């Protein structure tokens, strides 16, 4: 069938495949279709299945030739792609170039398709680089902040009798909007609304107005909502305050049986914060190192790969929203946004992710980094523990769903990161507060 095929590399990791089919093969396919149609087609004046080929060709010949051409393209393309070195990416559909699919039995039939292939990566220098990273430490103020959080979590809430509302008090209010005549607007009333003063967790931003009010007190406020002035009648129905426990051994013991003293708790907090800092610094070092490597690397990203990554991000976005896709699209529309606009916002981030993945895969290949059975099993144990599952149950899920390759990839990636961090130099840059570092505010 195929008498010739040519593969041409093109820009942006695409390829053009040109296939030539023998005129004998195309004529054979045409004649086969002609016989099939002769059995099915009913033409006035002829019994079904008895239509002469000449009549059939005169009436439907061009259409049958076109169908035969498409059949030959489909069949021959499948064979040709099995034999060529550069195969299409899983998410790249070969695109037929403008072509006349009607056959000419006097000549061989030639057509071309264009498709995306896996990019040929040329990784730049990835060892002996010097990378600057923030200089951060866990300080006493970081420990104090965490201790205050624990105090807040272990606080008790009590009624503030005969007191005035103050910042951080928990208040319960009734409110309703009023029209110009002072009448209550239907559908705007709300009773027993609870919020903490200072958080701003209320639609009218009433926090400062509530400060100083007492239980049972009523006020009419002028506020702004959606760019419009509104009058709101607010009544305070309850005021509660938090009582924070003392920072002492009793608090430490209440938090966990493993602590006997507040000193034990502080030491454990420091250890936890140090671990968080180390993990964050490793993440920053890896990101900046991969960014540096990408600067001297050649990574021609095919469009279909970028689109697939964006679609993956979109599906993750839907899962995180815990909504159906149509619900999410409606909410975006209310905000004046579309899926397409959102994907465009994510485009550069998707390209960065792909570049990093391709760089890592290439270095793993060049450095011959492997994952042993023990390392894979250890990773399964670690992931089972992290997700609070039994090792045996988690391993069964992995094997049942053929996720072992994903686990192996995780192991290789971790080993690669350790390799890269050991082969490059990191210098301290500007000093950054621990809290700003972990919240990416630097």
Protein backbone atom coordinates (compact mmCIF):
# COMPACT_ATOMS: atom_id res chain seq x y z
CA UNK A 1 0.00 0.00 0.00
CA UNK A 2 2.57 2.60 1.14
CA UNK A 3 5.29 3.10 -1.44
CA UNK A 4 6.95 6.14 0.15
CA UNK A 5 6.94 8.14 3.37
CA UNK A 6 8.94 11.22 4.39
CA UNK A 7 9.26 12.73 7.87
CA UNK A 8 10.23 16.38 8.21
CA UNK A 9 11.02 18.09 11.53
CA UNK A 10 9.39 21.48 12.00
CA UNK A 11 9.52 24.29 14.57
CA UNK A 12 7.99 24.01 18.07
CA UNK A 13 8.43 20.25 18.27
CA UNK A 14 6.15 19.40 15.38
CA UNK A 15 6.67 17.04 12.46
CA UNK A 16 5.27 16.74 8.94
CA UNK A 17 4.69 13.24 7.63
CA UNK A 18 4.13 12.81 3.89
CA UNK A 19 2.79 9.46 2.71
CA UNK A 20 2.41 8.15 -0.83
CA UNK A 21 0.01 5.29 -1.57
CA UNK A 22 0.19 3.23 -4.74
CA UNK A 23 -2.48 3.83 -7.38
CA UNK A 24 -3.17 0.07 -7.36
CA UNK A 25 -4.09 0.17 -3.65
CA UNK A 26 -6.35 3.19 -4.06
CA UNK A 27 -8.13 1.64 -7.04
CA UNK A 28 -8.66 -1.57 -5.07
CA UNK A 29 -10.25 0.39 -2.19
CA UNK A 30 -12.46 2.31 -4.62
CA UNK A 31 -13.67 -0.87 -6.32
CA UNK A 32 -14.40 -2.45 -2.93
CA UNK A 33 -16.55 0.54 -1.93
CA UNK A 34 -18.25 0.50 -5.32
CA UNK A 35 -19.31 -3.12 -4.77
CA UNK A 36 -20.53 -2.33 -1.26
CA UNK A 37 -22.65 0.57 -2.52
CA UNK A 38 -24.01 -1.54 -5.39
CA UNK A 39 -25.48 -3.91 -2.77
CA UNK A 40 -27.06 -1.14 -0.71
CA UNK A 41 -28.05 1.70 -3.06
CA UNK A 42 -31.52 1.80 -4.54
CA UNK A 43 -31.97 3.78 -7.77
CA UNK A 44 -35.30 4.18 -9.53
CA UNK A 45 -35.61 1.71 -12.38
CA UNK A 46 -33.22 -0.84 -10.88
CA UNK A 47 -33.71 -3.55 -8.33
CA UNK A 48 -31.74 -3.20 -5.09
CA UNK A 49 -28.31 -4.75 -5.59
CA UNK A 50 -28.64 -4.73 -9.37
CA UNK A 51 -27.49 -1.19 -10.16
CA UNK A 52 -24.82 -1.27 -12.93
CA UNK A 53 -21.40 0.09 -11.89
CA UNK A 54 -21.46 2.64 -14.69
CA UNK A 55 -24.73 4.15 -13.41
CA UNK A 56 -23.46 4.12 -9.83
CA UNK A 57 -20.19 5.80 -10.80
CA UNK A 58 -21.96 8.45 -12.84
CA UNK A 59 -24.27 9.34 -9.96
CA UNK A 60 -22.01 8.83 -6.90
CA UNK A 61 -18.49 8.39 -8.28
CA UNK A 62 -16.94 11.58 -6.87
CA UNK A 63 -18.34 10.93 -3.40
CA UNK A 64 -17.16 7.32 -3.42
CA UNK A 65 -13.69 8.38 -4.56
CA UNK A 66 -13.52 10.88 -1.69
CA UNK A 67 -14.64 8.27 0.84
CA UNK A 68 -12.08 5.81 -0.54
CA UNK A 69 -9.41 8.48 -0.21
CA UNK A 70 -10.28 9.12 3.46
CA UNK A 71 -10.30 5.37 4.14
CA UNK A 72 -6.85 5.02 2.59
CA UNK A 73 -5.53 7.96 4.61
CA UNK A 74 -6.84 6.48 7.86
CA UNK A 75 -5.49 2.99 7.19
CA UNK A 76 -2.12 4.05 5.77
CA UNK A 77 -1.52 6.72 8.43
CA UNK A 78 -1.93 4.16 11.18
CA UNK A 79 0.67 1.93 9.52
CA UNK A 80 3.04 4.81 8.75
CA UNK A 81 2.98 6.16 12.34
CA UNK A 82 3.85 2.72 13.71
CA UNK A 83 7.03 2.74 11.64
CA UNK A 84 8.30 6.33 11.94
CA UNK A 85 10.77 7.33 14.65
CA UNK A 86 8.92 10.47 15.75
CA UNK A 87 5.44 9.53 16.86
CA UNK A 88 2.63 11.95 17.83
CA UNK A 89 2.22 12.94 21.46
CA UNK A 90 -0.76 11.19 23.10
CA UNK A 91 -2.78 14.43 23.07
CA UNK A 92 -1.73 15.53 19.55
CA UNK A 93 -4.12 14.60 16.75
CA UNK A 94 -2.41 14.53 13.31
CA UNK A 95 -3.85 17.35 11.21
CA UNK A 96 -4.41 16.65 7.52
CA UNK A 97 -2.97 19.38 5.34
CA UNK A 98 -5.16 20.84 2.62
CA UNK A 99 -5.51 18.01 0.19
CA UNK A 100 -7.88 16.73 -2.48
CA UNK A 101 -9.13 13.42 -1.10
CA UNK A 102 -10.65 12.36 -4.44
CA UNK A 103 -8.53 9.74 -6.14
CA UNK A 104 -6.84 9.77 -9.52
CA UNK A 105 -6.19 6.19 -10.59
CA UNK A 106 -3.57 7.25 -13.10
CA UNK A 107 -1.24 8.45 -10.34
CA UNK A 108 -0.10 7.43 -6.90
CA UNK A 109 -1.88 9.25 -4.08
CA UNK A 110 0.09 11.56 -1.74
CA UNK A 111 -1.05 13.35 1.40
CA UNK A 112 0.60 15.05 4.41
CA UNK A 113 -0.22 15.40 8.11
CA UNK A 114 1.32 17.63 10.77
CA UNK A 115 1.47 16.65 14.45
CA UNK A 116 3.31 17.44 17.67
CA UNK A 117 6.16 15.22 18.85
CA UNK A 118 8.00 14.93 22.14
CA UNK A 119 10.41 17.88 22.28
CA UNK A 120 14.12 17.34 21.81
CA UNK A 121 15.62 18.86 24.95
CA UNK A 122 19.09 20.31 25.20
CA UNK A 123 19.76 20.90 28.89
CA UNK A 124 22.15 23.68 29.79
CA UNK A 125 24.69 23.65 32.62
CA UNK A 126 23.24 22.08 35.75
CA UNK A 127 26.24 21.73 38.07
CA UNK A 128 28.68 24.20 39.68
CA UNK A 129 26.15 27.03 39.49
CA UNK A 130 25.89 29.75 42.12
CA UNK A 131 22.35 30.58 43.24
CA UNK A 132 21.32 33.30 45.67
CA UNK A 133 18.51 32.46 48.12
CA UNK A 134 16.86 34.40 50.98
CA UNK A 135 18.47 34.38 54.41
CA UNK A 136 15.85 33.31 56.97
CA UNK A 137 15.93 31.86 60.47
CA UNK A 138 13.42 30.72 63.05
CA UNK A 139 13.49 33.38 65.78
CA UNK A 140 11.91 33.63 69.23
CA UNK A 141 9.17 35.88 67.80
CA UNK A 142 8.17 33.03 65.45
CA UNK A 143 7.88 30.65 68.39
CA UNK A 144 5.88 33.30 70.30
CA UNK A 145 3.49 33.73 67.39
CA UNK A 146 2.80 30.00 67.26
CA UNK A 147 2.29 29.89 71.02
CA UNK A 148 -0.26 32.72 70.72
CA UNK A 149 -2.11 30.70 68.09
CA UNK A 150 -2.24 27.76 70.49
CA UNK A 151 -3.48 30.04 73.28
CA UNK A 152 -6.23 31.29 70.97
CA UNK A 153 -7.20 27.73 69.96
CA UNK A 154 -7.43 26.76 73.64
CA UNK A 155 -9.29 29.88 74.76
CA UNK A 156 -12.74 29.92 76.30
CA UNK A 157 -15.57 32.22 75.20
CA UNK A 158 -17.69 33.89 77.87
CA UNK A 159 -20.49 36.46 77.93
CA UNK A 160 -19.24 40.02 78.34
CA UNK A 161 -21.75 41.21 80.91
CA UNK A 162 -22.47 44.96 80.97
CA UNK A 163 -19.45 45.49 78.72
CA UNK A 164 -18.88 47.41 75.55
CA UNK A 165 -17.91 45.73 72.27
CA UNK A 166 -14.20 45.93 71.56
CA UNK A 167 -11.83 44.63 68.92
CA UNK A 168 -11.56 40.82 68.88
CA UNK A 169 -14.83 40.44 70.77
CA UNK A 170 -17.35 38.01 69.27
CA UNK A 171 -20.63 39.80 68.65
CA UNK A 172 -24.07 38.69 67.57
CA UNK A 173 -26.14 41.27 65.68
CA UNK A 174 -29.44 41.73 63.87
CA UNK A 175 -29.41 44.05 60.86
CA UNK A 176 -31.69 45.31 58.13
CA UNK A 177 -31.43 47.93 55.36
CA UNK A 178 -33.71 50.98 55.49
CA UNK A 179 -35.20 52.99 52.63
CA UNK A 180 -35.19 56.82 52.44
CA UNK A 181 -38.30 57.00 54.62
CA UNK A 182 -36.70 54.77 57.27
CA UNK A 183 -38.80 51.71 56.46
CA UNK A 184 -37.21 48.27 56.49
CA UNK A 185 -36.42 46.89 53.03
CA UNK A 186 -37.95 43.51 52.42
CA UNK A 187 -35.45 40.67 52.04
CA UNK A 188 -32.50 42.52 53.64
CA UNK A 189 -33.02 41.51 57.28
CA UNK A 190 -30.73 39.05 59.04
CA UNK A 191 -30.89 37.86 62.62
CA UNK A 192 -28.27 36.33 64.91
CA UNK A 193 -25.32 37.09 62.63
CA UNK A 194 -22.07 36.27 64.47
CA UNK A 195 -18.60 37.61 63.67
CA UNK A 196 -15.38 38.66 65.37
CA UNK A 197 -14.77 42.42 65.45
CA UNK A 198 -11.69 43.28 63.40
CA UNK A 199 -11.95 40.43 60.87
CA UNK A 200 -14.18 42.32 58.43
CA UNK A 201 -16.26 39.17 57.91
CA UNK A 202 -19.52 41.02 57.25
CA UNK A 203 -20.86 42.54 54.03
CA UNK A 204 -21.18 46.11 55.34
CA UNK A 205 -17.73 46.24 57.06
CA UNK A 206 -19.35 47.21 60.37
CA UNK A 207 -16.39 46.42 62.62
CA UNK A 208 -15.38 49.96 63.65
CA UNK A 209 -19.03 51.04 64.00
CA UNK A 210 -19.77 48.19 66.43
CA UNK A 211 -16.87 49.07 68.75
CA UNK A 212 -18.22 50.75 71.89
CA UNK A 213 -21.79 49.49 71.49
CA UNK A 214 -23.41 47.57 74.33
CA UNK A 215 -25.77 44.60 74.40
CA UNK A 216 -29.24 45.66 73.25
CA UNK A 217 -27.97 48.91 71.73
CA UNK A 218 -29.20 49.94 68.27
CA UNK A 219 -27.62 52.18 65.64
CA UNK A 220 -28.53 53.38 62.16
CA UNK A 221 -25.41 53.50 60.01
CA UNK A 222 -24.68 54.88 56.56
CA UNK A 223 -22.50 52.37 54.70
CA UNK A 224 -21.42 51.62 51.14
CA UNK A 225 -22.40 48.40 49.40
CA UNK A 226 -21.51 47.64 45.77
CA UNK A 227 -20.69 51.31 45.20
CA UNK A 228 -24.02 52.55 46.57
CA UNK A 229 -24.88 54.35 49.83
CA UNK A 230 -27.20 52.34 52.09
CA UNK A 231 -28.71 52.83 55.54
CA UNK A 232 -28.41 49.87 57.88
CA UNK A 233 -30.10 49.43 61.25
CA UNK A 234 -27.89 47.32 63.52
CA UNK A 235 -28.81 45.86 66.91
CA UNK A 236 -26.23 44.16 69.13
CA UNK A 237 -27.83 41.12 70.78
CA UNK A 238 -24.80 39.49 72.41
CA UNK A 239 -21.15 40.28 73.16
CA UNK A 240 -18.67 37.60 74.06
CA UNK A 241 -14.98 37.75 74.78
CA UNK A 242 -12.18 35.23 74.67
CA UNK A 243 -10.31 34.30 77.80
CA UNK A 244 -6.83 33.21 76.88
CA UNK A 245 -5.08 30.63 79.06
CA UNK A 246 -1.78 31.45 80.74
CA UNK A 247 1.41 30.39 78.97
CA UNK A 248 2.29 27.80 81.58
CA UNK A 249 2.85 24.09 82.08
CA UNK A 250 -0.89 23.48 82.43
CA UNK A 251 -1.49 24.82 78.91
CA UNK A 252 1.27 22.58 77.54
CA UNK A 253 -0.28 19.54 79.22
CA UNK A 254 -3.76 20.46 77.90
CA UNK A 255 -2.42 20.62 74.35
CA UNK A 256 -0.83 17.16 74.46
CA UNK A 257 0.13 14.45 76.92
CA UNK A 258 3.63 14.42 75.44
CA UNK A 259 4.39 17.80 77.03
CA UNK A 260 5.09 18.18 80.73
CA UNK A 261 6.22 21.79 80.67
CA UNK A 262 5.81 24.90 78.56
CA UNK A 263 9.51 24.52 77.79
CA UNK A 264 8.81 21.13 76.17
CA UNK A 265 6.06 22.70 74.04
CA UNK A 266 8.28 25.59 72.95
CA UNK A 267 11.11 23.19 72.03
CA UNK A 268 8.73 21.08 69.91
CA UNK A 269 7.34 24.19 68.20
CA UNK A 270 10.85 25.32 67.36
CA UNK A 271 11.63 21.91 65.90
CA UNK A 272 8.44 21.99 63.78
CA UNK A 273 9.14 25.51 62.53
CA UNK A 274 12.73 24.58 61.67
CA UNK A 275 11.47 21.63 59.62
CA UNK A 276 9.00 23.92 57.83
CA UNK A 277 11.80 26.38 57.11
CA UNK A 278 14.09 23.65 55.75
CA UNK A 279 11.33 22.35 53.45
CA UNK A 280 10.55 25.85 52.20
CA UNK A 281 14.22 26.63 51.58
CA UNK A 282 14.60 23.37 49.66
CA UNK A 283 11.62 24.35 47.53
CA UNK A 284 13.08 27.81 46.85
CA UNK A 285 16.53 26.44 46.05
CA UNK A 286 15.07 23.89 43.64
CA UNK A 287 12.87 26.45 41.90
CA UNK A 288 15.67 29.00 41.47
CA UNK A 289 18.12 26.34 40.34
CA UNK A 290 15.72 24.98 37.70
CA UNK A 291 15.03 28.54 36.57
CA UNK A 292 18.80 29.08 36.14
CA UNK A 293 19.18 25.80 34.22
CA UNK A 294 16.23 26.73 31.97
CA UNK A 295 18.01 29.95 30.94
CA UNK A 296 20.70 27.97 29.09
CA UNK A 297 18.47 25.10 27.93
CA UNK A 298 16.64 24.61 24.65
CA UNK A 299 13.08 23.48 25.35
CA UNK A 300 10.75 23.81 22.33
CA UNK A 301 7.32 23.30 23.87
CA UNK A 302 4.64 21.91 21.52
CA UNK A 303 1.28 23.67 21.73
CA UNK A 304 -0.63 20.45 22.38
CA UNK A 305 1.53 19.80 25.47
CA UNK A 306 0.78 23.28 26.82
CA UNK A 307 -2.96 22.81 26.20
CA UNK A 308 -2.92 19.43 27.96
CA UNK A 309 -1.18 20.97 31.00
CA UNK A 310 -3.73 23.81 31.10
CA UNK A 311 -6.62 21.34 30.92
CA UNK A 312 -5.06 19.40 33.78
CA UNK A 313 -4.86 22.63 35.81
CA UNK A 314 -8.51 23.33 34.99
CA UNK A 315 -9.63 19.89 36.21
CA UNK A 316 -7.64 20.37 39.43
CA UNK A 317 -9.30 23.78 39.84
CA UNK A 318 -12.74 22.14 39.54
CA UNK A 319 -11.82 19.48 42.12
CA UNK A 320 -10.53 22.10 44.57
CA UNK A 321 -13.70 24.17 44.15
CA UNK A 322 -15.80 21.11 45.08
CA UNK A 323 -18.36 22.19 42.48
CA UNK A 324 -19.64 20.89 39.18
CA UNK A 325 -18.00 22.44 36.12
CA UNK A 326 -21.20 24.22 34.99
CA UNK A 327 -21.60 25.77 38.48
CA UNK A 328 -18.01 26.99 38.42
CA UNK A 329 -18.48 28.48 34.94
CA UNK A 330 -21.59 30.34 36.17
CA UNK A 331 -19.67 31.84 39.09
CA UNK A 332 -16.85 32.90 36.75
CA UNK A 333 -19.42 34.50 34.43
CA UNK A 334 -20.84 36.49 37.38
CA UNK A 335 -17.30 37.77 37.96
CA UNK A 336 -16.93 38.71 34.29
CA UNK A 337 -14.49 35.88 33.61
CA UNK A 338 -14.41 32.87 31.29
CA UNK A 339 -12.59 29.55 31.30
CA UNK A 340 -10.58 30.70 28.29
CA UNK A 341 -9.47 33.91 30.03
CA UNK A 342 -8.47 31.95 33.12
CA UNK A 343 -6.45 29.44 31.09
CA UNK A 344 -4.66 32.32 29.40
CA UNK A 345 -3.74 33.72 32.85
CA UNK A 346 -2.29 30.31 33.75
CA UNK A 347 -0.40 29.89 30.47
CA UNK A 348 3.02 31.14 31.60
CA UNK A 349 2.84 29.09 34.79
CA UNK A 350 1.95 25.99 32.75
CA UNK A 351 4.92 26.57 30.44
CA UNK A 352 7.21 26.97 33.44
CA UNK A 353 5.94 23.72 34.96
CA UNK A 354 6.50 21.86 31.70
CA UNK A 355 10.01 23.27 31.24
CA UNK A 356 10.98 22.18 34.74
CA UNK A 357 9.49 18.69 34.24
CA UNK A 358 11.29 18.21 30.94
CA UNK A 359 14.60 19.45 32.38
CA UNK A 360 14.30 17.07 35.32
CA UNK A 361 13.39 14.11 33.10
CA UNK A 362 16.36 14.81 30.83
CA UNK A 363 18.87 15.08 33.69
CA UNK A 364 17.46 11.88 35.25
CA UNK A 365 18.12 10.20 31.91
CA UNK A 366 21.62 11.66 31.51
CA UNK A 367 22.66 10.89 35.10
CA UNK A 368 21.07 7.41 34.92
CA UNK A 369 19.11 7.98 38.14
CA UNK A 370 17.07 4.88 39.02
CA UNK A 371 14.55 3.87 41.68
CA UNK A 372 15.21 0.55 43.41
CA UNK A 373 12.42 -1.74 44.62
CA UNK A 374 13.30 -0.89 48.23
CA UNK A 375 13.18 2.84 47.51
CA UNK A 376 9.80 2.46 45.82
CA UNK A 377 8.48 0.45 48.76
CA UNK A 378 9.81 3.00 51.25
CA UNK A 379 8.05 5.76 49.29
CA UNK A 380 4.78 3.80 49.39
CA UNK A 381 5.17 3.48 53.18
CA UNK A 382 5.86 7.21 53.47
CA UNK A 383 2.86 8.19 51.34
CA UNK A 384 0.62 5.75 53.23
CA UNK A 385 1.71 7.29 56.53
CA UNK A 386 1.23 10.84 55.20
CA UNK A 387 -2.34 10.02 54.12
CA UNK A 388 -3.09 8.14 57.38
CA UNK A 389 -3.66 4.84 55.58
CA UNK A 390 -2.44 1.35 56.35
CA UNK A 391 0.61 0.38 54.33
CA UNK A 392 -0.96 -2.86 53.06
CA UNK A 393 -4.18 -1.11 51.95
CA UNK A 394 -2.31 1.75 50.29
CA UNK A 395 0.04 -0.62 48.46
CA UNK A 396 -2.93 -2.63 47.18
CA UNK A 397 -4.45 0.56 45.76
CA UNK A 398 -1.15 1.45 44.07
CA UNK A 399 -0.80 -1.97 42.46
CA UNK A 400 -4.47 -2.26 41.51
CA UNK A 401 -4.43 1.10 39.69
CA UNK A 402 -0.96 0.59 38.13
CA UNK A 403 0.47 3.62 39.98
CA UNK A 404 3.86 2.01 40.62
CA UNK A 405 5.44 4.00 37.78
CA UNK A 406 4.20 7.22 39.38
CA UNK A 407 5.76 6.21 42.70
CA UNK A 408 9.02 5.38 40.91
CA UNK A 409 8.93 8.80 39.24
CA UNK A 410 8.48 10.46 42.65
CA UNK A 411 11.54 8.61 43.95
CA UNK A 412 13.65 9.59 40.92
CA UNK A 413 12.58 13.22 41.19
CA UNK A 414 13.49 13.33 44.89
CA UNK A 415 16.88 11.76 44.20
CA UNK A 416 17.45 14.21 41.35
CA UNK A 417 16.68 17.22 43.57
CA UNK A 418 19.12 15.94 46.20
CA UNK A 419 21.71 15.42 43.46
CA UNK A 420 21.26 18.96 42.08
CA UNK A 421 21.37 20.57 45.52
CA UNK A 422 24.61 18.76 46.29
CA UNK A 423 26.24 19.77 42.98
CA UNK A 424 25.58 23.51 43.17
CA UNK A 425 26.41 26.38 45.51
CA UNK A 426 23.80 28.48 47.31
CA UNK A 427 24.65 31.86 48.78
CA UNK A 428 22.61 33.90 51.26
CA UNK A 429 20.85 36.97 49.91
CA UNK A 430 18.65 39.48 51.71
CA UNK A 431 17.37 38.68 55.18
CA UNK A 432 13.70 37.65 55.18
CA UNK A 433 11.36 37.04 58.11
CA UNK A 434 10.33 33.43 58.53
CA UNK A 435 6.60 34.25 58.23
CA UNK A 436 7.17 36.24 55.02
CA UNK A 437 9.19 33.38 53.57
CA UNK A 438 6.58 30.66 54.15
CA UNK A 439 3.81 32.98 52.90
CA UNK A 440 5.83 33.91 49.76
CA UNK A 441 5.89 37.59 50.71
CA UNK A 442 9.47 38.30 49.74
